[in-house]
Amino acid sequence: MKPGEYKNMSVRTNLLISLRKLDELSEEIINNVDILDLKDPLNGSIGAWDLQDIKKVIFKFKNQIQISATLGDIFINETFLIKLKQFDKLNLDYIKFGLLSMNIKNLFDKIKFLEERKFKTKLVCVVFVDICDHLKLVYKRLELFNACGIKYIMLDTYDKNNGDLLSFCNICNLNKFITKCKKFDIKIGLAGSLKETHIPVMMKLKPNILGFRSAICKFNKRMSEVDTRKLKKISRHFNLCNNKAIETAGA
């Protein structure tokens, strides 16, 4: 069963791979993943690609694969809204933006900024589990995300040098968060220095998206080149677990 074959089935998890530059793209990547995530870590934790390069990817691959792009590490709400409107015109499938404020009082200003504004692109709010108590705070305010039209949340790590997702959030808390997200019809993505060995346990949580970068790179370093051998190995393991989940659900 190939990636993308069950894209319209809610039971299926989508495999997301982050690419940091245009020349990393290949047919092998297109054929082994569900979502291309255009993110340049040289420009920040969710650093943005050059706009013209994003357009080139969309022009060439839009009809073959889902495409996501990160908005960049933006701290000023007015700038955030301007860039969001710009990206919304690109015909992307997803736009990812992060909750980056260290000020708890202002943490949700960016979300409230979206209230009553309509976007054609699916918006994915990235919540960094290693920043303060962001996960706990978001958990308490999920109704706000739903009210403001945020239907996707991705849990990730901001500082890749301090550990992976499970270093900051155990399986029990992840399951609790995902369960509450489903009550508000919010889809969930999991990322944050995930390795191939994380796939079975993560898939048991039934996320909508599972994201990788360092695990598909040479030396497991996210700034290194993509290793297509490692990518294919992760894709095979991912699809094996996905197929089991679909069979268990009776799909």
Protein backbone atom coordinates (compact mmCIF):
# COMPACT_ATOMS: atom_id res chain seq x y z
CA MET A 1 0.00 0.00 0.00
CA LYS A 2 1.58 3.27 -1.13
CA PRO A 3 1.47 6.62 0.69
CA GLY A 4 -1.52 8.65 -0.42
CA GLU A 5 -3.67 5.63 -1.27
CA TYR A 6 -5.88 6.26 1.75
CA LYS A 7 -5.60 10.05 1.97
CA ASN A 8 -9.35 10.50 2.28
CA MET A 9 -9.72 7.97 5.07
CA SER A 10 -9.79 9.49 8.54
CA VAL A 11 -8.22 6.33 9.99
CA ARG A 12 -5.03 6.82 7.97
CA THR A 13 -2.04 8.75 9.26
CA ASN A 14 -0.19 10.88 6.70
CA LEU A 15 3.60 10.79 6.47
CA LEU A 16 5.13 14.28 6.39
CA ILE A 17 8.74 14.91 5.42
CA SER A 18 10.38 18.32 5.84
CA LEU A 19 12.69 19.58 3.10
CA ARG A 20 14.94 22.58 3.55
CA LYS A 21 15.79 23.48 -0.04
CA LEU A 22 14.64 22.98 -3.61
CA ASP A 23 17.40 20.63 -4.72
CA GLU A 24 16.40 18.07 -2.07
CA LEU A 25 13.27 17.28 -4.06
CA SER A 26 13.21 14.04 -6.03
CA GLU A 27 10.74 11.56 -7.48
CA GLU A 28 11.80 9.10 -4.78
CA ILE A 29 10.59 11.50 -2.11
CA ILE A 30 7.35 12.22 -3.96
CA ASN A 31 6.65 8.50 -4.27
CA ASN A 32 7.29 7.70 -0.60
CA VAL A 33 5.53 10.41 1.40
CA ASP A 34 2.09 12.01 1.72
CA ILE A 35 2.99 15.60 2.57
CA LEU A 36 5.96 17.70 1.48
CA ASP A 37 6.75 20.21 4.22
CA LEU A 38 8.80 23.17 2.99
CA LYS A 39 10.73 24.36 6.03
CA ASP A 40 14.20 25.91 6.25
CA PRO A 41 15.77 25.47 9.73
CA LEU A 42 18.53 27.90 8.76
CA ASN A 43 15.89 30.63 9.04
CA GLY A 44 14.51 29.50 12.40
CA SER A 45 12.74 26.60 14.03
CA ILE A 46 9.95 26.91 11.45
CA GLY A 47 11.91 29.02 9.00
CA ALA A 48 10.27 29.91 5.70
CA TRP A 49 11.43 29.03 2.20
CA ASP A 50 11.94 31.70 -0.43
CA LEU A 51 8.54 32.51 -1.93
CA GLN A 52 9.66 31.86 -5.51
CA ASP A 53 10.98 28.40 -4.60
CA ILE A 54 7.65 27.56 -2.95
CA LYS A 55 5.87 28.54 -6.15
CA LYS A 56 8.17 26.27 -8.19
CA VAL A 57 7.32 23.27 -6.00
CA ILE A 58 3.60 24.00 -6.21
CA PHE A 59 3.74 24.41 -10.00
CA LYS A 60 5.58 21.12 -10.51
CA PHE A 61 4.07 18.84 -7.85
CA LYS A 62 0.68 20.21 -6.79
CA ASN A 63 -1.26 17.44 -8.53
CA GLN A 64 0.98 14.68 -7.18
CA ILE A 65 1.27 15.34 -3.46
CA GLN A 66 0.03 17.50 -0.58
CA ILE A 67 2.26 20.52 0.07
CA SER A 68 2.83 22.36 3.34
CA ALA A 69 4.92 25.47 3.93
CA THR A 70 6.03 27.13 7.15
CA LEU A 71 5.36 30.81 7.64
CA GLY A 72 8.61 31.51 9.50
CA ASP A 73 9.50 32.52 13.04
CA ILE A 74 7.23 35.56 13.23
CA PHE A 75 6.69 37.35 16.55
CA ILE A 76 4.72 40.42 15.43
CA ASN A 77 1.02 39.75 14.83
CA GLU A 78 0.59 42.36 12.10
CA THR A 79 3.51 40.87 10.13
CA PHE A 80 2.06 37.40 10.74
CA LEU A 81 -1.27 38.35 9.21
CA ILE A 82 0.30 40.01 6.16
CA LYS A 83 2.45 36.97 5.41
CA LEU A 84 -0.42 34.57 6.09
CA LYS A 85 -2.58 36.33 3.50
CA GLN A 86 0.34 36.17 1.06
CA PHE A 87 0.80 32.41 1.57
CA ASP A 88 -2.93 31.80 1.35
CA LYS A 89 -2.82 32.86 -2.31
CA LEU A 90 -0.21 30.22 -3.23
CA ASN A 91 -2.58 27.25 -3.49
CA LEU A 92 -0.83 25.29 -0.72
CA ASP A 93 -2.60 22.49 1.14
CA TYR A 94 -1.31 23.57 4.56
CA ILE A 95 0.27 26.66 6.12
CA LYS A 96 2.18 26.06 9.34
CA PHE A 97 2.74 28.79 11.91
CA GLY A 98 4.11 28.64 15.46
CA LEU A 99 3.13 29.84 18.89
CA LEU A 100 6.43 31.49 19.76
CA SER A 101 5.63 33.92 22.56
CA MET A 102 7.43 33.39 25.86
CA ASN A 103 4.88 35.71 27.47
CA ILE A 104 2.02 33.53 28.71
CA LYS A 105 -0.40 36.47 28.73
CA ASN A 106 0.16 37.08 25.02
CA LEU A 107 0.43 33.42 23.99
CA PHE A 108 -2.99 33.25 22.34
CA ASP A 109 -2.99 36.69 20.71
CA LYS A 110 -1.96 35.16 17.39
CA ILE A 111 -4.90 32.74 17.50
CA LYS A 112 -7.39 35.47 18.43
CA PHE A 113 -5.98 37.50 15.55
CA LEU A 114 -7.49 34.93 13.17
CA GLU A 115 -11.01 35.17 14.54
CA GLU A 116 -13.61 35.98 11.86
CA ARG A 117 -10.93 35.89 9.13
CA LYS A 118 -11.38 33.32 6.41
CA PHE A 119 -8.57 31.42 4.71
CA LYS A 120 -8.85 28.84 1.94
CA THR A 121 -5.70 27.00 3.05
CA LYS A 122 -5.70 24.65 6.05
CA LEU A 123 -3.91 26.36 8.94
CA VAL A 124 -1.65 24.27 11.15
CA CYS A 125 -0.69 25.74 14.51
CA VAL A 126 2.66 24.41 15.73
CA VAL A 127 2.81 24.06 19.51
CA PHE A 128 6.33 23.68 20.91
CA VAL A 129 6.26 21.26 23.82
CA ASP A 130 9.68 22.41 25.10
CA ILE A 131 8.65 26.07 25.56
CA CYS A 132 7.34 26.89 29.06
CA ASP A 133 3.97 25.24 29.68
CA HIS A 134 2.67 25.75 26.15
CA LEU A 135 1.18 22.28 25.80
CA LYS A 136 -0.69 22.52 29.10
CA LEU A 137 -1.97 26.00 28.28
CA VAL A 138 -3.13 25.02 24.79
CA TYR A 139 -4.87 21.95 26.21
CA LYS A 140 -6.95 24.22 28.44
CA ARG A 141 -7.88 26.54 25.56
CA LEU A 142 -8.62 24.16 22.67
CA GLU A 143 -12.11 25.65 22.33
CA LEU A 144 -10.43 28.93 21.29
CA PHE A 145 -8.59 27.19 18.44
CA ASN A 146 -11.82 25.62 17.25
CA ALA A 147 -13.70 28.93 17.44
CA CYS A 148 -10.98 30.70 15.42
CA GLY A 149 -10.97 28.11 12.65
CA ILE A 150 -7.77 26.27 13.57
CA LYS A 151 -8.45 22.65 12.63
CA TYR A 152 -4.88 21.35 12.80
CA ILE A 153 -2.36 21.39 15.64
CA MET A 154 1.15 19.97 15.34
CA LEU A 155 3.21 19.19 18.42
CA ASP A 156 6.92 19.77 17.86
CA THR A 157 10.13 20.76 19.63
CA TYR A 158 11.67 24.21 19.25
CA ASP A 159 15.26 23.40 20.24
CA LYS A 160 16.30 20.19 18.49
CA ASN A 161 19.41 19.91 20.69
CA ASN A 162 17.43 19.28 23.88
CA GLY A 163 15.68 16.05 22.99
CA ASP A 164 12.78 14.63 21.01
CA LEU A 165 9.03 14.94 21.51
CA LEU A 166 8.90 12.18 24.13
CA SER A 167 11.61 13.91 26.16
CA PHE A 168 9.05 16.57 27.05
CA CYS A 169 5.71 14.81 26.73
CA ASN A 170 4.98 11.22 27.72
CA ILE A 171 2.62 8.88 25.87
CA CYS A 172 -0.13 9.28 28.47
CA ASN A 173 -0.19 13.08 28.10
CA LEU A 174 0.00 12.86 24.32
CA ASN A 175 -2.98 10.51 24.27
CA LYS A 176 -4.91 12.84 26.59
CA PHE A 177 -4.17 15.82 24.34
CA ILE A 178 -5.14 13.97 21.14
CA THR A 179 -8.37 12.70 22.69
CA LYS A 180 -9.44 16.22 23.63
CA CYS A 181 -8.46 17.56 20.18
CA LYS A 182 -10.81 15.02 18.59
CA LYS A 183 -13.67 16.30 20.73
CA PHE A 184 -13.20 19.70 19.09
CA ASP A 185 -12.72 18.17 15.63
CA ILE A 186 -9.09 19.31 15.60
CA LYS A 187 -6.66 17.09 13.71
CA ILE A 188 -3.28 16.43 15.28
CA GLY A 189 0.26 16.09 13.96
CA LEU A 190 3.28 14.79 15.87
CA ALA A 191 6.90 15.75 15.16
CA GLY A 192 10.04 16.73 17.02
CA SER A 193 13.25 14.80 16.22
CA LEU A 194 11.27 11.58 15.78
CA LYS A 195 13.19 8.46 14.82
CA GLU A 196 12.13 5.31 12.98
CA THR A 197 11.89 3.51 16.33
CA HIS A 198 9.18 5.96 17.39
CA ILE A 199 6.82 4.93 14.58
CA PRO A 200 5.00 1.97 16.24
CA VAL A 201 4.28 3.75 19.51
CA MET A 202 3.29 7.00 17.78
CA MET A 203 0.96 5.21 15.37
CA LYS A 204 -0.91 3.68 18.30
CA LEU A 205 -1.96 7.22 19.22
CA LYS A 206 -3.65 7.53 15.80
CA PRO A 207 -2.38 10.99 14.84
CA ASN A 208 -3.45 12.49 11.52
CA ILE A 209 0.13 13.41 10.60
CA LEU A 210 3.54 12.08 11.63
CA GLY A 211 6.49 14.29 10.69
CA PHE A 212 10.20 13.58 10.17
CA ARG A 213 13.35 15.44 9.16
CA SER A 214 16.54 14.42 10.97
CA ALA A 215 15.66 10.70 10.74
CA ILE A 216 15.77 10.82 6.93
CA CYS A 217 19.08 12.71 6.80
CA LYS A 218 22.67 11.54 6.73
CA PHE A 219 24.14 11.24 10.23
CA ASN A 220 20.62 11.94 11.61
CA LYS A 221 21.40 15.65 11.37
CA ARG A 222 18.59 17.82 10.01
CA MET A 223 21.03 20.16 8.25
CA SER A 224 22.59 17.24 6.37
CA GLU A 225 21.49 15.90 2.99
CA VAL A 226 18.45 13.67 2.66
CA ASP A 227 19.39 9.99 2.57
CA THR A 228 16.86 8.32 0.26
CA ARG A 229 17.75 4.88 1.62
CA LYS A 230 16.73 5.97 5.12
CA LEU A 231 13.64 7.69 3.73
CA LYS A 232 12.47 4.50 2.01
CA LYS A 233 13.12 2.45 5.14
CA ILE A 234 11.02 4.83 7.25
CA SER A 235 8.30 4.88 4.58
CA ARG A 236 8.11 1.07 4.55
CA HIS A 237 7.93 0.86 8.34
CA PHE A 238 5.39 3.68 8.47
CA ASN A 239 3.14 2.02 5.88
CA LEU A 240 3.36 -1.34 7.62
CA CYS A 241 2.08 0.24 10.85
CA ASN A 242 -0.51 2.25 8.93
CA ASN A 243 -1.86 -0.85 7.20
CA LYS A 244 -2.21 -2.63 10.54
CA ALA A 245 -4.14 0.34 11.94
CA ILE A 246 -6.47 0.35 8.92
CA GLU A 247 -7.08 -3.39 9.20
CA THR A 248 -7.75 -3.08 12.93
CA ALA A 249 -10.29 -0.34 12.24
CA GLY A 250 -11.98 -2.55 9.65
CA ALA A 251 -11.21 -0.20 6.76
